[in-house]
């Protein structure tokens, strides 16, 4: 793939380098060099110059595949390879050479140099990087340097260097995979944001230029873009769409794939890995490189497969968790409905308390997780009343001391009902303590102050307000202003002052529901 033809010749300033050129790399035998370039004029130029040196046996290959065949059947000390070649390009060949025989030195040549390309070549194992047009004596000088270095190093020394490089590569792979596992384990975002985060992470660990997560519609056999991400703020210069044949191959084999496109403007490299739930492919994580022919390697494929598998496991766990959570929540809502069938007040009361505590929690800047937890706890805070006898729960008159003691058990009964469900560990504690008082005079455990869970303190205020502003068989409701006054009166005793202030603040941001200002007889017990 061309580039300008190298120039033969030298000037007087380079005579010092001649000392290296005239000295054989090894007096007993000649070193073998493989020259790989799809441009025959450049290939022949380099081969003839090497042969003219007299110290080297030079052979040639017109592309990466032909070079691989030669490497498998012959031993070479050095490979000189162009980067831009059709089919298997130089970067891909470089990776394969390291797999076949890491003792082989490789010099890369390109007519389209970039910092990223040179860094990538050196990281992959090239000993040097030369740009076109080049002086042939400059290339020969570098060849002599690396051949002399190999002659000075013993076989054991070369093997030691190779083992060190292999160890570094292994450590880097393990570190990358470990980072992926830890990163995904810490993800606490929604499913949509998971896709965005994973796409960005895939670009980082693969050094890709463009990433897309494509959702697979099995019925239509189509791939629908869910997320796209680019290293640069503009899309890749290639307009090549994701090859459906490759995507369908990934779906059918349930495994990753590499694909290199031959293109006159460069060779974008495409890498795809399946995203699966319960062994069914639901999407594909796809990447491509568009940087002057730098290709993804098998190592990149292994890393992205690890990322895809870990992402799939994370999403599968989230789906299973959300399904289980939803099913259990629905079961408990059914239990609450059974209480509501006996006492219609409970249904409206639970919904009102939930709305009040959510608004209060937002004002107090509680976390999204806490607010979700509050929604469940508020809806279920009276679930323990399922065990309270009708003659007590629905009694239209004032309760006796013994009956009030039975009513008070509903918070611990609610705790007991939720105890076997590990998913509701936090919610059951909120429910248990939603009748504790700030001064320690509440029940069931007599907790005080900060020892009472904050979310329980929120429900306590909302619960009391809604109870006071609602008509009950045994008393009439208070007006909004009267209920607020009652909350203020009990600040520091029954209620957390900070929570009361935040709760009252919710009414400044929204119009309070107008309740009739009816006289309310003094209550000896709080039954709600």
Protein backbone atom coordinates (compact mmCIF):
# COMPACT_ATOMS: atom_id res chain seq x y z
CA UNK A 1 0.00 0.00 0.00
CA UNK A 2 2.37 2.34 -0.82
CA UNK A 3 3.76 5.54 0.47
CA UNK A 4 6.80 7.15 -1.15
CA UNK A 5 9.60 4.88 -2.31
CA UNK A 6 12.63 4.87 -0.02
CA UNK A 7 15.81 6.62 -1.26
CA UNK A 8 19.19 4.91 -1.57
CA UNK A 9 22.17 7.01 -0.56
CA UNK A 10 23.95 8.62 2.37
CA UNK A 11 25.84 11.74 3.28
CA UNK A 12 29.17 12.35 5.02
CA UNK A 13 27.55 12.97 8.39
CA UNK A 14 26.55 9.32 8.59
CA UNK A 15 30.02 7.78 8.15
CA UNK A 16 30.07 6.88 11.83
CA UNK A 17 27.17 4.56 11.20
CA UNK A 18 29.19 2.71 8.55
CA UNK A 19 31.17 1.04 11.30
CA UNK A 20 28.04 -0.85 12.25
CA UNK A 21 27.20 -1.68 8.64
CA UNK A 22 30.50 -3.24 7.71
CA UNK A 23 30.67 -5.52 10.73
CA UNK A 24 28.78 -8.82 10.31
CA UNK A 25 26.13 -9.52 12.90
CA UNK A 26 27.44 -13.07 13.19
CA UNK A 27 30.58 -14.39 11.53
CA UNK A 28 29.51 -18.02 11.56
CA UNK A 29 26.20 -17.69 9.80
CA UNK A 30 23.96 -15.14 8.19
CA UNK A 31 20.93 -13.58 9.81
CA UNK A 32 17.53 -14.11 8.19
CA UNK A 33 15.17 -11.21 7.51
CA UNK A 34 11.63 -11.22 6.15
CA UNK A 35 10.45 -8.11 4.27
CA UNK A 36 6.65 -7.63 4.08
CA UNK A 37 5.11 -4.94 1.85
CA UNK A 38 2.36 -4.98 -0.77
CA UNK A 39 4.28 -2.45 -2.89
CA UNK A 40 6.74 -4.55 -4.94
CA UNK A 41 9.03 -1.58 -5.69
CA UNK A 42 9.63 -0.85 -2.00
CA UNK A 43 9.84 -4.54 -1.15
CA UNK A 44 12.46 -5.19 -3.85
CA UNK A 45 14.42 -2.10 -2.84
CA UNK A 46 14.75 -3.27 0.76
CA UNK A 47 15.52 -6.88 -0.17
CA UNK A 48 18.25 -5.93 -2.64
CA UNK A 49 19.84 -3.53 -0.14
CA UNK A 50 19.91 -6.24 2.54
CA UNK A 51 21.39 -8.78 0.17
CA UNK A 52 23.97 -6.23 -0.94
CA UNK A 53 25.09 -5.95 2.65
CA UNK A 54 26.23 -9.55 2.42
CA UNK A 55 25.41 -10.34 6.05
CA UNK A 56 21.76 -11.20 5.64
CA UNK A 57 19.50 -13.67 3.90
CA UNK A 58 16.44 -11.65 2.86
CA UNK A 59 13.14 -13.10 1.72
CA UNK A 60 9.91 -11.32 0.90
CA UNK A 61 6.13 -11.51 1.33
CA UNK A 62 3.48 -9.37 -0.34
CA UNK A 63 1.02 -9.28 2.58
CA UNK A 64 0.41 -10.41 6.14
CA UNK A 65 -1.03 -13.81 5.27
CA UNK A 66 1.90 -14.71 3.05
CA UNK A 67 4.24 -13.54 5.80
CA UNK A 68 2.54 -15.82 8.35
CA UNK A 69 3.05 -18.81 6.07
CA UNK A 70 6.75 -17.98 5.80
CA UNK A 71 7.08 -17.49 9.56
CA UNK A 72 5.51 -20.87 10.27
CA UNK A 73 7.92 -22.71 7.97
CA UNK A 74 11.18 -20.78 8.52
CA UNK A 75 13.14 -19.17 11.35
CA UNK A 76 13.69 -15.42 11.09
CA UNK A 77 15.73 -13.04 13.18
CA UNK A 78 13.97 -9.87 12.00
CA UNK A 79 10.82 -8.82 10.16
CA UNK A 80 10.50 -5.49 8.35
CA UNK A 81 6.81 -4.82 7.67
CA UNK A 82 4.67 -2.11 6.17
CA UNK A 83 1.54 -1.25 8.17
CA UNK A 84 -0.96 -0.36 5.44
CA UNK A 85 -1.65 -3.58 3.55
CA UNK A 86 -4.86 -5.19 2.29
CA UNK A 87 -6.29 -8.10 4.27
CA UNK A 88 -4.06 -8.63 7.29
CA UNK A 89 -2.23 -5.37 7.92
CA UNK A 90 1.09 -4.83 9.63
CA UNK A 91 -0.28 -4.25 13.14
CA UNK A 92 -2.24 -7.46 13.03
CA UNK A 93 0.82 -9.29 11.71
CA UNK A 94 2.89 -7.83 14.55
CA UNK A 95 0.52 -9.32 17.12
CA UNK A 96 0.64 -12.71 15.40
CA UNK A 97 4.44 -12.65 15.28
CA UNK A 98 4.56 -12.18 19.05
CA UNK A 99 2.36 -15.26 19.39
CA UNK A 100 4.42 -17.39 16.97
CA UNK A 101 7.91 -16.41 18.14
CA UNK A 102 8.41 -13.45 20.47
CA UNK A 103 12.20 -13.61 19.89
CA UNK A 104 11.75 -12.14 16.39
CA UNK A 105 12.51 -8.41 16.22
CA UNK A 106 10.08 -6.33 14.16
CA UNK A 107 10.60 -2.94 12.47
CA UNK A 108 7.39 -1.24 11.30
CA UNK A 109 7.18 1.11 8.31
CA UNK A 110 4.30 3.47 7.41
CA UNK A 111 3.55 6.37 5.13
CA UNK A 112 0.83 7.64 7.52
CA UNK A 113 2.58 8.23 10.86
CA UNK A 114 0.71 9.32 13.97
CA UNK A 115 1.71 9.43 17.60
CA UNK A 116 -1.04 6.95 18.45
CA UNK A 117 0.10 4.54 15.76
CA UNK A 118 3.75 4.63 16.80
CA UNK A 119 2.88 4.17 20.48
CA UNK A 120 0.56 1.27 19.63
CA UNK A 121 3.27 -0.39 17.51
CA UNK A 122 5.88 -0.12 20.25
CA UNK A 123 3.45 -1.36 22.90
CA UNK A 124 2.59 -4.35 20.72
CA UNK A 125 6.26 -5.31 20.49
CA UNK A 126 7.93 -3.48 17.58
CA UNK A 127 11.57 -2.57 18.22
CA UNK A 128 11.41 0.46 15.92
CA UNK A 129 9.10 2.58 13.79
CA UNK A 130 10.14 4.19 10.48
CA UNK A 131 8.14 6.65 8.38
CA UNK A 132 8.09 6.94 4.58
CA UNK A 133 9.89 8.28 2.67
CA UNK A 134 12.99 6.88 4.38
CA UNK A 135 16.67 6.66 3.51
CA UNK A 136 17.68 3.08 2.84
CA UNK A 137 20.94 3.55 4.75
CA UNK A 138 18.88 4.69 7.77
CA UNK A 139 16.93 1.43 7.62
CA UNK A 140 20.13 -0.62 7.20
CA UNK A 141 21.69 1.17 10.16
CA UNK A 142 18.73 0.20 12.36
CA UNK A 143 18.82 -3.37 11.07
CA UNK A 144 22.51 -3.63 11.98
CA UNK A 145 21.88 -2.20 15.43
CA UNK A 146 19.18 -4.75 16.27
CA UNK A 147 21.10 -7.65 14.72
CA UNK A 148 24.22 -6.70 16.71
CA UNK A 149 22.10 -6.49 19.87
CA UNK A 150 20.82 -10.02 19.25
CA UNK A 151 24.37 -11.28 18.68
CA UNK A 152 25.53 -9.77 21.96
CA UNK A 153 22.67 -11.24 23.94
CA UNK A 154 22.85 -14.93 24.66
CA UNK A 155 19.89 -17.18 23.96
CA UNK A 156 19.22 -17.23 27.69
CA UNK A 157 19.34 -13.44 27.78
CA UNK A 158 16.84 -13.18 24.92
CA UNK A 159 14.55 -15.70 26.55
CA UNK A 160 14.74 -13.81 29.84
CA UNK A 161 13.72 -10.60 28.07
CA UNK A 162 10.85 -12.36 26.35
CA UNK A 163 9.68 -13.89 29.62
CA UNK A 164 9.71 -10.46 31.24
CA UNK A 165 7.61 -9.06 28.40
CA UNK A 166 5.20 -11.96 28.65
CA UNK A 167 4.94 -11.43 32.40
CA UNK A 168 4.22 -7.72 31.91
CA UNK A 169 1.56 -8.57 29.33
CA UNK A 170 -0.02 -11.10 31.69
CA UNK A 171 -0.01 -8.69 34.61
CA UNK A 172 -1.57 -6.02 32.38
CA UNK A 173 -4.30 -8.43 31.25
CA UNK A 174 -5.07 -9.53 34.80
CA UNK A 175 -5.10 -5.92 36.02
CA UNK A 176 -7.44 -4.88 33.20
CA UNK A 177 -9.86 -7.74 33.86
CA UNK A 178 -9.72 -7.08 37.61
CA UNK A 179 -10.50 -3.41 36.99
CA UNK A 180 -13.45 -4.39 34.78
CA UNK A 181 -14.87 -6.74 37.43
CA UNK A 182 -14.50 -4.20 40.25
CA UNK A 183 -15.86 -1.34 38.13
CA UNK A 184 -19.00 -3.21 37.11
CA UNK A 185 -19.57 -4.53 40.65
CA UNK A 186 -19.68 -0.94 41.88
CA UNK A 187 -22.20 0.18 39.25
CA UNK A 188 -25.30 1.55 40.92
CA UNK A 189 -26.93 3.21 37.93
CA UNK A 190 -30.08 2.47 35.96
CA UNK A 191 -30.04 -0.04 33.11
CA UNK A 192 -30.00 2.73 30.48
CA UNK A 193 -27.02 4.41 32.14
CA UNK A 194 -25.28 1.05 32.50
CA UNK A 195 -25.13 0.84 28.71
CA UNK A 196 -23.60 4.31 28.47
CA UNK A 197 -21.00 3.57 31.15
CA UNK A 198 -20.11 0.20 29.58
CA UNK A 199 -19.67 1.76 26.12
CA UNK A 200 -17.29 4.38 27.52
CA UNK A 201 -15.37 1.74 29.47
CA UNK A 202 -15.08 -0.49 26.37
CA UNK A 203 -13.46 2.37 24.45
CA UNK A 204 -10.92 2.91 27.23
CA UNK A 205 -9.81 -0.70 27.67
CA UNK A 206 -9.64 -1.44 23.93
CA UNK A 207 -8.27 1.89 22.66
CA UNK A 208 -11.11 1.84 20.14
CA UNK A 209 -12.46 4.88 18.30
CA UNK A 210 -16.15 4.08 18.13
CA UNK A 211 -18.46 1.91 20.22
CA UNK A 212 -22.10 0.91 19.92
CA UNK A 213 -24.42 -1.29 21.93
CA UNK A 214 -26.90 -2.88 19.54
CA UNK A 215 -30.03 -4.55 20.90
CA UNK A 216 -31.05 -7.69 19.04
CA UNK A 217 -34.70 -8.10 18.01
CA UNK A 218 -35.05 -11.85 17.52
CA UNK A 219 -38.44 -11.64 15.76
CA UNK A 220 -37.30 -9.23 13.05
CA UNK A 221 -33.66 -10.39 13.15
CA UNK A 222 -32.62 -6.75 13.33
CA UNK A 223 -29.99 -4.92 15.40
CA UNK A 224 -31.17 -1.64 16.91
CA UNK A 225 -28.64 0.93 18.21
CA UNK A 226 -29.14 1.56 21.92
CA UNK A 227 -26.00 3.56 22.73
CA UNK A 228 -23.22 4.99 20.57
CA UNK A 229 -20.00 6.49 21.86
CA UNK A 230 -16.93 8.01 20.19
CA UNK A 231 -13.47 8.93 21.40
CA UNK A 232 -13.62 12.11 19.32
CA UNK A 233 -16.59 14.51 19.28
CA UNK A 234 -17.19 13.61 15.62
CA UNK A 235 -18.10 10.19 14.18
CA UNK A 236 -15.53 7.98 12.41
CA UNK A 237 -14.68 8.91 8.83
CA UNK A 238 -15.79 5.47 7.63
CA UNK A 239 -19.46 5.23 6.73
CA UNK A 240 -19.33 1.42 6.85
CA UNK A 241 -22.35 0.12 8.76
CA UNK A 242 -22.04 -2.77 11.17
CA UNK A 243 -21.84 -5.87 8.94
CA UNK A 244 -24.99 -7.89 9.62
CA UNK A 245 -23.29 -11.11 8.59
CA UNK A 246 -20.77 -10.65 11.39
CA UNK A 247 -23.46 -9.65 13.89
CA UNK A 248 -25.56 -12.71 13.06
CA UNK A 249 -22.47 -14.89 13.40
CA UNK A 250 -21.92 -13.51 16.90
CA UNK A 251 -25.57 -14.24 17.77
CA UNK A 252 -25.51 -17.79 16.38
CA UNK A 253 -22.15 -18.75 17.91
CA UNK A 254 -22.71 -16.74 21.11
CA UNK A 255 -19.06 -15.75 20.94
CA UNK A 256 -16.95 -12.76 20.00
CA UNK A 257 -15.50 -12.04 16.57
CA UNK A 258 -12.87 -9.87 14.87
CA UNK A 259 -13.36 -8.46 11.38
CA UNK A 260 -10.96 -6.36 9.29
CA UNK A 261 -12.33 -4.41 6.34
CA UNK A 262 -10.12 -3.82 3.31
CA UNK A 263 -10.53 -0.16 2.42
CA UNK A 264 -8.49 2.16 0.18
CA UNK A 265 -8.63 4.89 2.82
CA UNK A 266 -7.47 2.66 5.65
CA UNK A 267 -8.52 -0.57 7.29
CA UNK A 268 -11.03 -0.16 10.10
CA UNK A 269 -11.00 -3.09 12.47
CA UNK A 270 -14.30 -4.29 13.96
CA UNK A 271 -14.70 -6.24 17.18
CA UNK A 272 -18.00 -7.66 18.46
CA UNK A 273 -18.98 -9.47 21.65
CA UNK A 274 -22.41 -10.84 22.65
CA UNK A 275 -24.45 -9.57 25.59
CA UNK A 276 -26.51 -12.40 27.04
CA UNK A 277 -29.14 -13.07 29.70
CA UNK A 278 -29.90 -16.69 30.55
CA UNK A 279 -27.79 -17.88 27.60
CA UNK A 280 -29.85 -15.81 25.12
CA UNK A 281 -28.20 -13.02 23.15
CA UNK A 282 -30.10 -9.77 23.71
CA UNK A 283 -27.49 -7.40 22.32
CA UNK A 284 -24.00 -6.89 20.94
CA UNK A 285 -21.14 -4.75 22.21
CA UNK A 286 -19.41 -3.54 19.04
CA UNK A 287 -16.20 -1.52 18.60
CA UNK A 288 -14.11 -0.38 15.70
CA UNK A 289 -10.79 1.31 15.17
CA UNK A 290 -10.29 3.86 12.45
CA UNK A 291 -6.73 5.02 13.08
CA UNK A 292 -4.60 4.34 10.02
CA UNK A 293 -5.05 0.63 10.04
CA UNK A 294 -4.38 -0.22 13.68
CA UNK A 295 -6.27 -3.44 14.28
CA UNK A 296 -7.82 -5.00 17.32
CA UNK A 297 -5.88 -8.01 18.54
CA UNK A 298 -6.93 -11.32 20.04
CA UNK A 299 -5.97 -9.86 23.40
CA UNK A 300 -8.41 -6.97 22.81
CA UNK A 301 -11.08 -9.56 21.99
CA UNK A 302 -10.45 -11.44 25.24
CA UNK A 303 -10.70 -8.21 27.26
CA UNK A 304 -13.94 -7.12 25.58
CA UNK A 305 -15.41 -10.61 25.99
CA UNK A 306 -14.64 -10.36 29.71
CA UNK A 307 -16.34 -6.96 29.80
CA UNK A 308 -19.37 -8.26 27.89
CA UNK A 309 -19.74 -11.32 30.14
CA UNK A 310 -19.43 -9.24 33.31
CA UNK A 311 -21.91 -6.70 31.96
CA UNK A 312 -24.35 -9.50 31.04
CA UNK A 313 -24.06 -10.98 34.54
CA UNK A 314 -24.62 -7.58 36.13
CA UNK A 315 -27.71 -6.91 34.00
CA UNK A 316 -29.04 -10.42 34.57
CA UNK A 317 -28.65 -10.00 38.34
CA UNK A 318 -30.37 -6.62 38.16
CA UNK A 319 -33.26 -8.09 36.16
CA UNK A 320 -33.62 -11.04 38.55
CA UNK A 321 -33.37 -8.73 41.56
CA UNK A 322 -35.94 -6.30 40.19
CA UNK A 323 -38.29 -9.16 39.25
CA UNK A 324 -37.96 -10.76 42.67
CA UNK A 325 -38.29 -7.40 44.40
CA UNK A 326 -41.41 -6.56 42.40
CA UNK A 327 -43.00 -9.96 43.07
CA UNK A 328 -42.37 -9.73 46.81
CA UNK A 329 -43.60 -6.13 46.95
CA UNK A 330 -46.78 -7.16 45.15
CA UNK A 331 -47.28 -9.98 47.66
CA UNK A 332 -47.05 -7.56 50.56
CA UNK A 333 -49.32 -5.09 48.83
CA UNK A 334 -51.85 -7.91 48.64
CA UNK A 335 -51.49 -8.32 52.41
CA UNK A 336 -52.02 -4.60 52.87
CA UNK A 337 -55.09 -4.89 50.63
CA UNK A 338 -56.48 -7.50 53.00
CA UNK A 339 -56.14 -4.98 55.83
CA UNK A 340 -57.74 -2.32 53.64
CA UNK A 341 -60.69 -4.61 53.00
CA UNK A 342 -61.31 -4.51 56.76
CA UNK A 343 -60.40 -0.84 57.27
CA UNK A 344 -60.72 1.44 54.24
CA UNK A 345 -58.86 4.18 56.10
CA UNK A 346 -55.62 2.18 55.91
CA UNK A 347 -55.48 2.32 52.09
CA UNK A 348 -55.85 6.10 51.86
CA UNK A 349 -53.64 6.58 54.89
CA UNK A 350 -50.74 4.51 53.49
CA UNK A 351 -50.83 6.33 50.16
CA UNK A 352 -50.95 9.74 51.85
CA UNK A 353 -48.07 8.91 54.16
CA UNK A 354 -46.02 7.77 51.18
CA UNK A 355 -46.60 11.04 49.31
CA UNK A 356 -45.77 13.11 52.41
CA UNK A 357 -42.53 11.28 53.24
CA UNK A 358 -41.28 11.33 49.65
CA UNK A 359 -41.69 15.13 49.47
CA UNK A 360 -40.04 15.53 52.86
CA UNK A 361 -37.14 13.25 51.90
CA UNK A 362 -36.58 15.27 48.73
CA UNK A 363 -36.39 18.51 50.73
CA UNK A 364 -33.93 16.85 53.11
CA UNK A 365 -31.90 15.71 50.08
CA UNK A 366 -32.09 12.02 50.89
CA UNK A 367 -30.48 9.70 48.37
CA UNK A 368 -32.52 8.11 45.55
CA UNK A 369 -32.05 4.73 47.23
CA UNK A 370 -33.47 6.06 50.51
CA UNK A 371 -36.46 7.55 48.71
CA UNK A 372 -37.19 4.24 46.97
CA UNK A 373 -36.88 2.50 50.33
CA UNK A 374 -39.30 5.02 51.88
CA UNK A 375 -41.91 4.34 49.21
CA UNK A 376 -42.01 0.66 50.17
CA UNK A 377 -41.79 1.26 53.91
CA UNK A 378 -44.56 3.89 53.86
CA UNK A 379 -46.92 1.64 51.91
CA UNK A 380 -46.23 -1.26 54.28
CA UNK A 381 -45.81 0.59 57.61
CA UNK A 382 -49.19 -0.65 58.92
CA UNK A 383 -48.94 -4.19 57.52
CA UNK A 384 -48.75 -5.51 61.08
CA UNK A 385 -52.40 -4.54 61.58
CA UNK A 386 -53.32 -7.69 59.67
CA UNK A 387 -52.91 -9.50 63.00
CA UNK A 388 -55.02 -7.02 65.02
CA UNK A 389 -58.55 -8.33 65.77
CA UNK A 390 -61.43 -6.45 64.11
CA UNK A 391 -63.09 -5.62 67.42
CA UNK A 392 -59.98 -3.59 68.33
CA UNK A 393 -58.90 -2.29 64.93
CA UNK A 394 -62.39 -1.05 64.00
CA UNK A 395 -63.60 -0.08 67.48
CA UNK A 396 -65.48 3.26 67.25
CA UNK A 397 -64.87 4.11 70.89
CA UNK A 398 -61.83 4.89 72.97
CA UNK A 399 -59.51 1.90 73.46
CA UNK A 400 -58.84 0.36 76.84
CA UNK A 401 -55.22 0.15 78.04
CA UNK A 402 -55.09 -3.53 77.13
CA UNK A 403 -56.49 -2.89 73.66
CA UNK A 404 -54.04 -0.07 73.06
CA UNK A 405 -51.21 -2.41 74.04
CA UNK A 406 -52.40 -4.85 71.36
CA UNK A 407 -52.56 -2.06 68.74
CA UNK A 408 -48.98 -1.08 69.60
CA UNK A 409 -47.83 -4.54 68.59
CA UNK A 410 -48.47 -3.80 64.91
CA UNK A 411 -44.98 -2.30 64.41
CA UNK A 412 -43.20 -5.41 65.73
CA UNK A 413 -45.62 -7.69 63.85
CA UNK A 414 -44.75 -5.80 60.65
CA UNK A 415 -41.07 -6.33 61.45
CA UNK A 416 -41.68 -10.07 61.98
CA UNK A 417 -43.59 -10.38 58.69
CA UNK A 418 -40.70 -8.84 56.73
CA UNK A 419 -37.84 -10.51 58.64
CA UNK A 420 -37.58 -13.59 56.36
CA UNK A 421 -37.19 -11.35 53.30
CA UNK A 422 -33.54 -10.25 53.06
CA UNK A 423 -34.41 -7.75 50.31
CA UNK A 424 -36.49 -5.73 52.80
CA UNK A 425 -33.95 -5.62 55.63
CA UNK A 426 -33.86 -1.81 55.65
CA UNK A 427 -37.61 -1.39 55.18
CA UNK A 428 -38.49 -3.68 58.10
CA UNK A 429 -36.29 -1.64 60.48
CA UNK A 430 -38.03 1.54 59.36
CA UNK A 431 -41.41 -0.08 59.98
CA UNK A 432 -40.39 -1.40 63.39
CA UNK A 433 -39.32 2.03 64.64
CA UNK A 434 -41.87 4.36 63.04
CA UNK A 435 -43.58 4.87 66.44
CA UNK A 436 -40.41 5.68 68.39
CA UNK A 437 -40.34 9.18 69.92
CA UNK A 438 -37.48 11.67 69.80
CA UNK A 439 -37.37 11.79 73.63
CA UNK A 440 -37.33 8.00 73.99
CA UNK A 441 -40.94 7.63 75.16
CA UNK A 442 -42.12 5.73 72.07
CA UNK A 443 -42.35 2.04 71.21
CA UNK A 444 -41.40 -0.76 70.72
CA UNK A 445 -37.75 -0.28 71.82
CA UNK A 446 -37.76 3.17 73.44
CA UNK A 447 -35.11 4.51 71.09
CA UNK A 448 -34.31 8.23 71.30
CA UNK A 449 -32.80 10.94 69.10
CA UNK A 450 -30.37 9.90 66.41
CA UNK A 451 -30.65 6.26 67.49
CA UNK A 452 -34.01 6.20 65.69
CA UNK A 453 -33.48 5.57 61.95
CA UNK A 454 -33.93 8.83 60.04
CA UNK A 455 -36.43 7.30 57.62
CA UNK A 456 -38.52 6.09 60.59
CA UNK A 457 -38.55 9.65 61.93
CA UNK A 458 -39.84 10.87 58.57
CA UNK A 459 -42.68 8.35 58.58
CA UNK A 460 -43.51 9.21 62.22
CA UNK A 461 -44.24 12.85 61.35
CA UNK A 462 -46.15 12.08 58.13
CA UNK A 463 -48.10 9.31 59.91
CA UNK A 464 -49.13 11.59 62.75
CA UNK A 465 -50.10 14.48 60.46
CA UNK A 466 -52.27 12.31 58.23
CA UNK A 467 -53.92 10.69 61.26
CA UNK A 468 -54.72 14.06 62.81
CA UNK A 469 -56.22 15.51 59.61
CA UNK A 470 -58.46 12.52 58.85
CA UNK A 471 -61.87 11.69 60.31
CA UNK A 472 -61.91 8.40 62.21
CA UNK A 473 -64.82 6.48 63.79
CA UNK A 474 -63.60 7.46 67.27
CA UNK A 475 -62.78 11.16 66.60
CA UNK A 476 -63.09 14.06 64.16
CA UNK A 477 -60.22 15.49 62.13
CA UNK A 478 -58.11 18.58 62.78
CA UNK A 479 -57.58 21.34 60.26
CA UNK A 480 -54.21 21.65 58.54
CA UNK A 481 -53.23 24.61 60.72
CA UNK A 482 -54.23 22.78 63.90
CA UNK A 483 -52.24 19.71 62.88
CA UNK A 484 -49.16 21.83 62.10
CA UNK A 485 -49.53 23.52 65.48
CA UNK A 486 -49.71 20.10 67.13
CA UNK A 487 -46.53 19.00 65.33
CA UNK A 488 -44.75 22.14 66.57
CA UNK A 489 -46.00 21.52 70.09
CA UNK A 490 -44.47 18.03 70.08
CA UNK A 491 -41.10 19.01 68.56
CA UNK A 492 -38.31 17.67 70.75
CA UNK A 493 -40.70 15.32 72.50
CA UNK A 494 -42.44 13.08 70.03
CA UNK A 495 -40.81 14.40 66.84
CA UNK A 496 -37.38 15.22 65.40
CA UNK A 497 -37.27 19.06 65.05
CA UNK A 498 -35.36 18.91 61.74
CA UNK A 499 -37.88 16.52 60.21
CA UNK A 500 -40.86 18.60 61.35
CA UNK A 501 -39.36 21.72 59.78
CA UNK A 502 -38.73 19.89 56.50
CA UNK A 503 -42.20 18.34 56.55
CA UNK A 504 -43.90 21.71 57.06
CA UNK A 505 -41.66 23.10 54.31
CA UNK A 506 -43.34 20.77 51.82
CA UNK A 507 -46.55 22.77 52.17
CA UNK A 508 -44.78 25.98 51.18
CA UNK A 509 -43.86 24.40 47.85
CA UNK A 510 -47.33 22.98 47.19
CA UNK A 511 -50.84 23.92 48.25
CA UNK A 512 -51.91 21.81 51.26
CA UNK A 513 -55.09 19.81 51.06
CA UNK A 514 -57.91 21.78 52.70
CA UNK A 515 -59.32 19.88 55.64
CA UNK A 516 -62.39 21.04 57.60
CA UNK A 517 -61.52 22.91 60.79
CA UNK A 518 -63.53 20.72 63.16
CA UNK A 519 -63.14 20.45 66.88
CA UNK A 520 -61.11 17.41 67.91
CA UNK A 521 -61.46 15.88 71.36
CA UNK A 522 -58.23 15.13 73.21
CA UNK A 523 -56.82 11.69 72.33
CA UNK A 524 -55.31 9.49 74.97
CA UNK A 525 -53.80 7.06 72.47
CA UNK A 526 -52.44 7.34 68.93
CA UNK A 527 -53.99 4.40 67.13
CA UNK A 528 -52.76 5.10 63.55
